[in-house]
PDB file of N, CA and C in Angstrom:
ATOM      1  N   MET A   1       0.882  -1.281   0.094  1.00  0.00           N
ATOM      2  CA  MET A   1      -0.067  -0.014  -0.121  1.00  0.00           C
ATOM      3  C   MET A   1       0.678   1.257  -0.081  1.00  0.00           C
ATOM      4  N   THR A   2       0.155   1.898  -0.564  1.00  0.00           N
ATOM      5  CA  THR A   2       0.859   3.655  -1.123  1.00  0.00           C
ATOM      6  C   THR A   2       0.192   4.654  -0.578  1.00  0.00           C
ATOM      7  N   ILE A   3       0.448   5.482   0.821  1.00  0.00           N
ATOM      8  CA  ILE A   3       0.122   6.736   0.859  1.00  0.00           C
ATOM      9  C   ILE A   3       0.396   7.685  -0.117  1.00  0.00           C
ATOM     10  N   LEU A   4      -0.121   8.778  -0.655  1.00  0.00           N
ATOM     11  CA  LEU A   4       0.156   9.926  -1.237  1.00  0.00           C
ATOM     12  C   LEU A   4      -0.672  10.841  -0.919  1.00  0.00           C
ATOM     13  N   ASP A   5       0.614  12.258  -0.800  1.00  0.00           N
ATOM     14  CA  ASP A   5      -0.266  13.395  -0.253  1.00  0.00           C
ATOM     15  C   ASP A   5      -0.746  13.841  -1.740  1.00  0.00           C
ATOM     16  N   LEU A   6      -1.961  13.876  -1.694  1.00  0.00           N
ATOM     17  CA  LEU A   6      -1.931  15.200  -3.051  1.00  0.00           C
ATOM     18  C   LEU A   6      -2.767  16.258  -2.834  1.00  0.00           C
ATOM     19  N   PRO A   7      -2.644  16.720  -3.777  1.00  0.00           N
ATOM     20  CA  PRO A   7      -3.542  18.592  -3.584  1.00  0.00           C
ATOM     21  C   PRO A   7      -4.801  18.733  -4.101  1.00  0.00           C
ATOM     22  N   GLU A   8      -5.367  19.503  -3.256  1.00  0.00           N
ATOM     23  CA  GLU A   8      -6.603  19.409  -3.873  1.00  0.00           C
ATOM     24  C   GLU A   8      -6.735  19.433  -5.479  1.00  0.00           C
ATOM     25  N   GLY A   9      -8.099  19.296  -6.021  1.00  0.00           N
ATOM     26  CA  GLY A   9      -8.079  18.781  -7.611  1.00  0.00           C
ATOM     27  C   GLY A   9      -8.540  17.783  -8.037  1.00  0.00           C
ATOM     28  N   GLU A  10      -8.453  17.508  -9.590  1.00  0.00           N
ATOM     29  CA  GLU A  10      -8.581  16.137  -9.698  1.00  0.00           C
ATOM     30  C   GLU A  10      -7.515  15.293 -10.617  1.00  0.00           C
ATOM     31  N   HIS A  11      -7.369  14.291 -10.064  1.00  0.00           N
ATOM     32  CA  HIS A  11      -6.229  13.101 -10.292  1.00  0.00           C
ATOM     33  C   HIS A  11      -6.493  12.190 -10.996  1.00  0.00           C
ATOM     34  N   GLN A  12      -5.431  11.582 -12.142  1.00  0.00           N
ATOM     35  CA  GLN A  12      -5.849  10.626 -13.056  1.00  0.00           C
ATOM     36  C   GLN A  12      -4.640   9.336 -12.123  1.00  0.00           C
ATOM     37  N   TYR A  13      -4.933   8.134 -12.272  1.00  0.00           N
ATOM     38  CA  TYR A  13      -4.434   7.135 -11.516  1.00  0.00           C
ATOM     39  C   TYR A  13      -4.787   5.387 -12.745  1.00  0.00           C
ATOM     40  N   LYS A  14      -3.319   4.840 -12.425  1.00  0.00           N
ATOM     41  CA  LYS A  14      -3.786   3.244 -13.129  1.00  0.00           C
ATOM     42  C   LYS A  14      -3.358   2.634 -12.217  1.00  0.00           C
ATOM     43  N   PHE A  15      -3.006   1.080 -12.197  1.00  0.00           N
ATOM     44  CA  PHE A  15      -2.950   0.171 -11.557  1.00  0.00           C
ATOM     45  C   PHE A  15      -1.843  -0.936 -12.049  1.00  0.00           C
ATOM     46  N   LEU A  16      -0.747  -0.868 -11.707  1.00  0.00           N
ATOM     47  CA  LEU A  16       0.616  -1.879 -12.712  1.00  0.00           C
ATOM     48  C   LEU A  16       0.171  -3.265 -12.173  1.00  0.00           C
ATOM     49  N   ILE A  17       0.021  -3.644 -12.843  1.00  0.00           N
ATOM     50  CA  ILE A  17      -0.167  -5.608 -12.632  1.00  0.00           C
ATOM     51  C   ILE A  17       0.039  -6.142 -13.847  1.00  0.00           C
ATOM     52  N   ASP A  18       1.052  -6.967 -13.057  1.00  0.00           N
ATOM     53  CA  ASP A  18       1.541  -8.318 -13.593  1.00  0.00           C
ATOM     54  C   ASP A  18       2.535  -7.357 -15.082  1.00  0.00           C
ATOM     55  N   GLY A  19       3.138  -5.690 -14.901  1.00  0.00           N
ATOM     56  CA  GLY A  19       3.777  -5.358 -15.676  1.00  0.00           C
ATOM     57  C   GLY A  19       2.594  -4.906 -16.697  1.00  0.00           C
ATOM     58  N   GLU A  20       1.488  -4.630 -16.231  1.00  0.00           N
ATOM     59  CA  GLU A  20       0.676  -4.310 -17.380  1.00  0.00           C
ATOM     60  C   GLU A  20      -0.434  -2.701 -16.671  1.00  0.00           C
ATOM     61  N   TRP A  21      -0.517  -1.954 -17.399  1.00  0.00           N
ATOM     62  CA  TRP A  21      -1.128  -1.067 -16.932  1.00  0.00           C
ATOM     63  C   TRP A  21      -2.880  -1.092 -16.787  1.00  0.00           C
ATOM     64  N   LYS A  22      -3.415  -1.053 -15.740  1.00  0.00           N
ATOM     65  CA  LYS A  22      -4.730  -1.387 -15.934  1.00  0.00           C
ATOM     66  C   LYS A  22      -5.333  -0.320 -15.044  1.00  0.00           C
ATOM     67  N   HIS A  23      -6.613   0.196 -15.699  1.00  0.00           N
ATOM     68  CA  HIS A  23      -7.677   0.666 -14.768  1.00  0.00           C
ATOM     69  C   HIS A  23      -8.550  -0.186 -14.140  1.00  0.00           C
ATOM     70  N   ASP A  24      -9.380   0.803 -13.063  1.00  0.00           N
ATOM     71  CA  ASP A  24     -10.628   0.046 -12.116  1.00  0.00           C
ATOM     72  C   ASP A  24     -11.800   0.209 -13.045  1.00  0.00           C
ATOM     73  N   PRO A  25     -12.514  -0.383 -14.084  1.00  0.00           N
ATOM     74  CA  PRO A  25     -13.700  -0.286 -14.673  1.00  0.00           C
ATOM     75  C   PRO A  25     -15.073   0.033 -13.323  1.00  0.00           C
ATOM     76  N   ASN A  26     -14.610  -0.437 -12.295  1.00  0.00           N
ATOM     77  CA  ASN A  26     -15.828  -0.253 -11.374  1.00  0.00           C
ATOM     78  C   ASN A  26     -15.696   1.532 -10.956  1.00  0.00           C
ATOM     79  N   GLU A  27     -14.560   2.288 -11.070  1.00  0.00           N
ATOM     80  CA  GLU A  27     -14.633   3.402 -10.657  1.00  0.00           C
ATOM     81  C   GLU A  27     -14.573   4.534 -12.092  1.00  0.00           C
ATOM     82  N   PRO A  28     -14.931   5.581 -11.516  1.00  0.00           N
ATOM     83  CA  PRO A  28     -14.388   6.797 -12.738  1.00  0.00           C
ATOM     84  C   PRO A  28     -13.435   7.114 -13.705  1.00  0.00           C
ATOM     85  N   THR A  29     -13.855   7.315 -14.853  1.00  0.00           N
ATOM     86  CA  THR A  29     -12.817   6.547 -15.910  1.00  0.00           C
ATOM     87  C   THR A  29     -12.936   8.151 -16.460  1.00  0.00           C
ATOM     88  N   THR A  30     -11.601   8.315 -16.999  1.00  0.00           N
ATOM     89  CA  THR A  30     -10.841   9.264 -18.131  1.00  0.00           C
ATOM     90  C   THR A  30     -10.544   8.973 -19.932  1.00  0.00           C
ATOM     91  N   ASP A  31     -10.798   8.849 -20.589  1.00  0.00           N
ATOM     92  CA  ASP A  31      -9.897   9.295 -21.770  1.00  0.00           C
ATOM     93  C   ASP A  31      -8.448  10.014 -21.304  1.00  0.00           C
ATOM     94  N   ASN A  32      -6.918   9.434 -21.595  1.00  0.00           N
ATOM     95  CA  ASN A  32      -6.107   9.747 -21.461  1.00  0.00           C
ATOM     96  C   ASN A  32      -5.295  10.055 -22.932  1.00  0.00           C
ATOM     97  N   ASP A  33      -4.223  11.146 -23.330  1.00  0.00           N
ATOM     98  CA  ASP A  33      -3.929  11.629 -24.370  1.00  0.00           C
ATOM     99  C   ASP A  33      -2.972  10.054 -25.142  1.00  0.00           C
ATOM    100  N   GLN A  34      -2.949   9.257 -24.624  1.00  0.00           N
ATOM    101  CA  GLN A  34      -2.274   8.053 -25.115  1.00  0.00           C
ATOM    102  C   GLN A  34      -3.394   6.764 -25.912  1.00  0.00           C
ATOM    103  N   GLY A  35      -5.104   7.834 -25.957  1.00  0.00           N
ATOM    104  CA  GLY A  35      -5.811   6.351 -26.369  1.00  0.00           C
ATOM    105  C   GLY A  35      -6.606   5.464 -25.606  1.00  0.00           C
ATOM    106  N   THR A  36      -5.800   5.944 -24.197  1.00  0.00           N
ATOM    107  CA  THR A  36      -6.281   4.459 -23.188  1.00  0.00           C
ATOM    108  C   THR A  36      -7.362   5.138 -21.859  1.00  0.00           C
ATOM    109  N   LYS A  37      -7.388   4.401 -20.905  1.00  0.00           N
ATOM    110  CA  LYS A  37      -8.128   5.155 -19.760  1.00  0.00           C
ATOM    111  C   LYS A  37      -7.506   5.359 -18.687  1.00  0.00           C
ATOM    112  N   ASN A  38      -8.341   6.358 -17.860  1.00  0.00           N
ATOM    113  CA  ASN A  38      -7.495   6.144 -16.485  1.00  0.00           C
ATOM    114  C   ASN A  38      -8.502   6.326 -15.840  1.00  0.00           C
ATOM    115  N   ASN A  39      -8.364   6.029 -14.143  1.00  0.00           N
ATOM    116  CA  ASN A  39      -9.285   6.687 -13.545  1.00  0.00           C
ATOM    117  C   ASN A  39      -9.142   7.426 -12.590  1.00  0.00           C
ATOM    118  N   ILE A  40      -9.946   8.284 -12.242  1.00  0.00           N
ATOM    119  CA  ILE A  40      -9.802   9.839 -11.771  1.00  0.00           C
ATOM    120  C   ILE A  40     -10.166   9.729 -10.612  1.00  0.00           C
ATOM    121  N   ILE A  41      -9.636  10.568  -9.862  1.00  0.00           N
ATOM    122  CA  ILE A  41     -10.242  10.902  -8.684  1.00  0.00           C
ATOM    123  C   ILE A  41     -10.098  12.561  -8.194  1.00  0.00           C
ATOM    124  N   ILE A  42     -11.206  12.655  -7.430  1.00  0.00           N
ATOM    125  CA  ILE A  42     -11.230  14.374  -6.872  1.00  0.00           C
ATOM    126  C   ILE A  42     -10.965  14.295  -5.718  1.00  0.00           C
ATOM    127  N   VAL A  43     -10.344  15.309  -5.192  1.00  0.00           N
ATOM    128  CA  VAL A  43      -9.470  15.519  -3.912  1.00  0.00           C
ATOM    129  C   VAL A  43      -9.906  17.053  -3.539  1.00  0.00           C
ATOM    130  N   LYS A  44     -10.970  16.918  -2.366  1.00  0.00           N
ATOM    131  CA  LYS A  44     -11.624  18.115  -2.369  1.00  0.00           C
ATOM    132  C   LYS A  44     -10.794  18.647  -0.576  1.00  0.00           C
ATOM    133  N   LYS A  45     -11.608  19.821  -0.621  1.00  0.00           N
ATOM    134  CA  LYS A  45     -10.173  20.351   0.890  1.00  0.00           C
ATOM    135  C   LYS A  45     -11.386  19.809   2.459  1.00  0.00           C
ATOM    136  N   THR A  46     -12.412  19.160   1.997  1.00  0.00           N
ATOM    137  CA  THR A  46     -13.191  18.333   2.974  1.00  0.00           C
ATOM    138  C   THR A  46     -12.530  17.125   3.271  1.00  0.00           C
ATOM    139  N   ASP A  47     -11.654  16.627   2.505  1.00  0.00           N
ATOM    140  CA  ASP A  47     -11.136  15.337   2.375  1.00  0.00           C
ATOM    141  C   ASP A  47      -9.873  15.580   3.519  1.00  0.00           C
ATOM    142  N   PHE A  48      -9.180  16.936   3.986  1.00  0.00           N
ATOM    143  CA  PHE A  48      -8.471  16.871   4.825  1.00  0.00           C
ATOM    144  C   PHE A  48      -8.499  16.969   6.281  1.00  0.00           C
ATOM    145  N   GLU A  49     -10.077  17.406   6.135  1.00  0.00           N
ATOM    146  CA  GLU A  49     -10.539  17.355   7.642  1.00  0.00           C
ATOM    147  C   GLU A  49     -10.503  16.290   8.431  1.00  0.00           C
ATOM    148  N   VAL A  50     -10.609  14.754   7.888  1.00  0.00           N
ATOM    149  CA  VAL A  50     -10.408  13.666   8.517  1.00  0.00           C
ATOM    150  C   VAL A  50      -8.884  13.604   9.004  1.00  0.00           C
ATOM    151  N   PHE A  51      -7.965  13.871   8.372  1.00  0.00           N
ATOM    152  CA  PHE A  51      -6.468  13.401   8.787  1.00  0.00           C
ATOM    153  C   PHE A  51      -6.247  14.761   9.591  1.00  0.00           C
ATOM    154  N   ASP A  52      -6.634  15.957   9.919  1.00  0.00           N
ATOM    155  CA  ASP A  52      -6.483  16.793  10.825  1.00  0.00           C
ATOM    156  C   ASP A  52      -6.689  16.319  11.970  1.00  0.00           C
ATOM    157  N   ALA A  53      -8.974  16.002  12.178  1.00  0.00           N
ATOM    158  CA  ALA A  53      -8.792  15.399  13.466  1.00  0.00           C
ATOM    159  C   ALA A  53      -8.199  14.319  13.734  1.00  0.00           C
ATOM    160  N   LEU A  54      -7.752  13.215  12.927  1.00  0.00           N
ATOM    161  CA  LEU A  54      -7.013  12.011  13.451  1.00  0.00           C
ATOM    162  C   LEU A  54      -5.461  12.702  14.322  1.00  0.00           C
ATOM    163  N   ASP A  55      -4.873  13.394  13.266  1.00  0.00           N
ATOM    164  CA  ASP A  55      -3.318  14.069  13.805  1.00  0.00           C
ATOM    165  C   ASP A  55      -3.848  14.989  15.345  1.00  0.00           C
ATOM    166  N   VAL A  56      -5.080  15.840  15.574  1.00  0.00           N
ATOM    167  CA  VAL A  56      -5.512  16.392  16.895  1.00  0.00           C
ATOM    168  C   VAL A  56      -5.408  15.009  17.913  1.00  0.00           C
ATOM    169  N   ASP A  57      -6.494  14.390  17.354  1.00  0.00           N
ATOM    170  CA  ASP A  57      -6.548  12.941  18.800  1.00  0.00           C
ATOM    171  C   ASP A  57      -5.357  12.634  18.568  1.00  0.00           C
ATOM    172  N   SER A  58      -4.212  12.150  17.345  1.00  0.00           N
ATOM    173  CA  SER A  58      -3.464  11.038  18.058  1.00  0.00           C
ATOM    174  C   SER A  58      -2.626  12.047  18.818  1.00  0.00           C
ATOM    175  N   ASN A  59      -2.412  13.224  18.950  1.00  0.00           N
ATOM    176  CA  ASN A  59      -1.484  14.111  19.826  1.00  0.00           C
ATOM    177  C   ASN A  59      -1.959  13.977  21.409  1.00  0.00           C
ATOM    178  N   THR A  60      -3.305  14.039  21.344  1.00  0.00           N
ATOM    179  CA  THR A  60      -4.311  14.174  22.361  1.00  0.00           C
ATOM    180  C   THR A  60      -4.096  13.027  22.936  1.00  0.00           C
ATOM    181  N   SER A  61      -4.019  11.610  22.094  1.00  0.00           N
ATOM    182  CA  SER A  61      -4.278  10.494  23.353  1.00  0.00           C
ATOM    183  C   SER A  61      -2.844  10.382  23.549  1.00  0.00           C
ATOM    184  N   SER A  62      -1.597  11.415  22.709  1.00  0.00           N
ATOM    185  CA  SER A  62      -0.099  10.532  23.610  1.00  0.00           C
ATOM    186  C   SER A  62       0.207  11.273  24.677  1.00  0.00           C
ATOM    187  N   ALA A  63      -0.735  12.616  24.392  1.00  0.00           N
ATOM    188  CA  ALA A  63      -0.305  13.062  25.827  1.00  0.00           C
ATOM    189  C   ALA A  63      -1.210  12.604  27.141  1.00  0.00           C
ATOM    190  N   ASN A  64      -2.480  12.038  27.013  1.00  0.00           N
ATOM    191  CA  ASN A  64      -3.126  11.768  27.964  1.00  0.00           C
ATOM    192  C   ASN A  64      -4.032  10.240  27.395  1.00  0.00           C
ATOM    193  N   PRO A  65      -3.552   9.294  27.301  1.00  0.00           N
ATOM    194  CA  PRO A  65      -4.554   7.994  26.682  1.00  0.00           C
ATOM    195  C   PRO A  65      -5.370   7.811  27.059  1.00  0.00           C
ATOM    196  N   SER A  66      -5.825   7.926  28.625  1.00  0.00           N
ATOM    197  CA  SER A  66      -6.936   7.707  29.349  1.00  0.00           C
ATOM    198  C   SER A  66      -8.196   8.593  28.870  1.00  0.00           C
ATOM    199  N   GLU A  67      -7.862   9.735  28.919  1.00  0.00           N
ATOM    200  CA  GLU A  67      -8.606  11.182  28.472  1.00  0.00           C
ATOM    201  C   GLU A  67      -9.223  10.774  27.056  1.00  0.00           C
ATOM    202  N   THR A  68      -8.154  10.869  26.480  1.00  0.00           N
ATOM    203  CA  THR A  68      -8.552  10.907  25.321  1.00  0.00           C
ATOM    204  C   THR A  68      -9.803   9.029  24.963  1.00  0.00           C
ATOM    205  N   SER A  69      -9.112   8.387  25.545  1.00  0.00           N
ATOM    206  CA  SER A  69     -10.501   6.945  25.771  1.00  0.00           C
ATOM    207  C   SER A  69     -11.355   7.579  25.793  1.00  0.00           C
ATOM    208  N   LYS A  70     -12.031   8.027  26.899  1.00  0.00           N
ATOM    209  CA  LYS A  70     -12.816   8.538  27.469  1.00  0.00           C
ATOM    210  C   LYS A  70     -13.875   9.679  26.416  1.00  0.00           C
ATOM    211  N   ARG A  71     -12.922  10.483  26.038  1.00  0.00           N
ATOM    212  CA  ARG A  71     -13.959  11.260  25.025  1.00  0.00           C
ATOM    213  C   ARG A  71     -14.515  10.649  24.022  1.00  0.00           C
ATOM    214  N   THR A  72     -13.360   9.659  23.309  1.00  0.00           N
ATOM    215  CA  THR A  72     -14.018   8.813  22.528  1.00  0.00           C
ATOM    216  C   THR A  72     -14.861   8.124  22.620  1.00  0.00           C
ATOM    217  N   LEU A  73     -15.031   7.134  23.761  1.00  0.00           N
ATOM    218  CA  LEU A  73     -16.317   6.440  24.080  1.00  0.00           C
ATOM    219  C   LEU A  73     -17.487   7.161  24.227  1.00  0.00           C
ATOM    220  N   SER A  74     -17.476   8.389  25.180  1.00  0.00           N
ATOM    221  CA  SER A  74     -19.002   9.543  25.529  1.00  0.00           C
ATOM    222  C   SER A  74     -19.135   9.766  23.740  1.00  0.00           C
ATOM    223  N   HIS A  75     -18.093  10.384  22.958  1.00  0.00           N
ATOM    224  CA  HIS A  75     -18.919  10.290  21.964  1.00  0.00           C
ATOM    225  C   HIS A  75     -19.617   9.800  20.586  1.00  0.00           C
ATOM    226  N   ALA A  76     -18.871   8.086  21.068  1.00  0.00           N
ATOM    227  CA  ALA A  76     -19.389   7.059  20.495  1.00  0.00           C
ATOM    228  C   ALA A  76     -20.545   6.708  20.965  1.00  0.00           C
ATOM    229  N   CYS A  77     -20.698   6.697  22.512  1.00  0.00           N
ATOM    230  CA  CYS A  77     -21.898   6.348  22.983  1.00  0.00           C
ATOM    231  C   CYS A  77     -23.125   7.444  22.816  1.00  0.00           C
ATOM    232  N   GLY A  78     -22.896   8.824  22.286  1.00  0.00           N
ATOM    233  CA  GLY A  78     -23.493  10.151  22.041  1.00  0.00           C
ATOM    234  C   GLY A  78     -24.104  10.922  23.808  1.00  0.00           C
ATOM    235  N   SER A  79     -23.006  10.844  24.556  1.00  0.00           N
ATOM    236  CA  SER A  79     -23.401  11.420  25.484  1.00  0.00           C
ATOM    237  C   SER A  79     -21.858  12.255  25.916  1.00  0.00           C
ATOM    238  N   ASP A  80     -21.312  13.438  26.205  1.00  0.00           N
ATOM    239  CA  ASP A  80     -20.144  13.938  26.732  1.00  0.00           C
ATOM    240  C   ASP A  80     -20.332  14.237  27.940  1.00  0.00           C
ATOM    241  N   ASN A  81     -19.471  13.464  28.227  1.00  0.00           N
ATOM    242  CA  ASN A  81     -19.121  13.176  30.363  1.00  0.00           C
ATOM    243  C   ASN A  81     -17.776  13.845  30.081  1.00  0.00           C
ATOM    244  N   SER A  82     -17.120  13.925  28.777  1.00  0.00           N
ATOM    245  CA  SER A  82     -15.600  14.522  29.381  1.00  0.00           C
ATOM    246  C   SER A  82     -15.545  15.381  29.567  1.00  0.00           C
ATOM    247  N   ARG A  83     -16.212  16.662  30.161  1.00  0.00           N
ATOM    248  CA  ARG A  83     -15.446  17.701  30.925  1.00  0.00           C
ATOM    249  C   ARG A  83     -15.918  17.501  32.299  1.00  0.00           C
TER     250      ARG A  83
END
């Protein structure tokens, strides 16, 4: 698995499988300059909010793991007893 830090916008990609470039026919595609298809992904600003939240949670949990666990559990249960 590879994680890429992509900026906002539309990006094209393919998969290299057994020496052959292939696109996923079940995902959105576009025609490329070489007469074949690429998959496309559109990265939006809101996609980064998840990573920002994970970063904050990671920093908080390393500072005080038990408090973060309580907050996470209380949010998952629909209550806010973290105060």
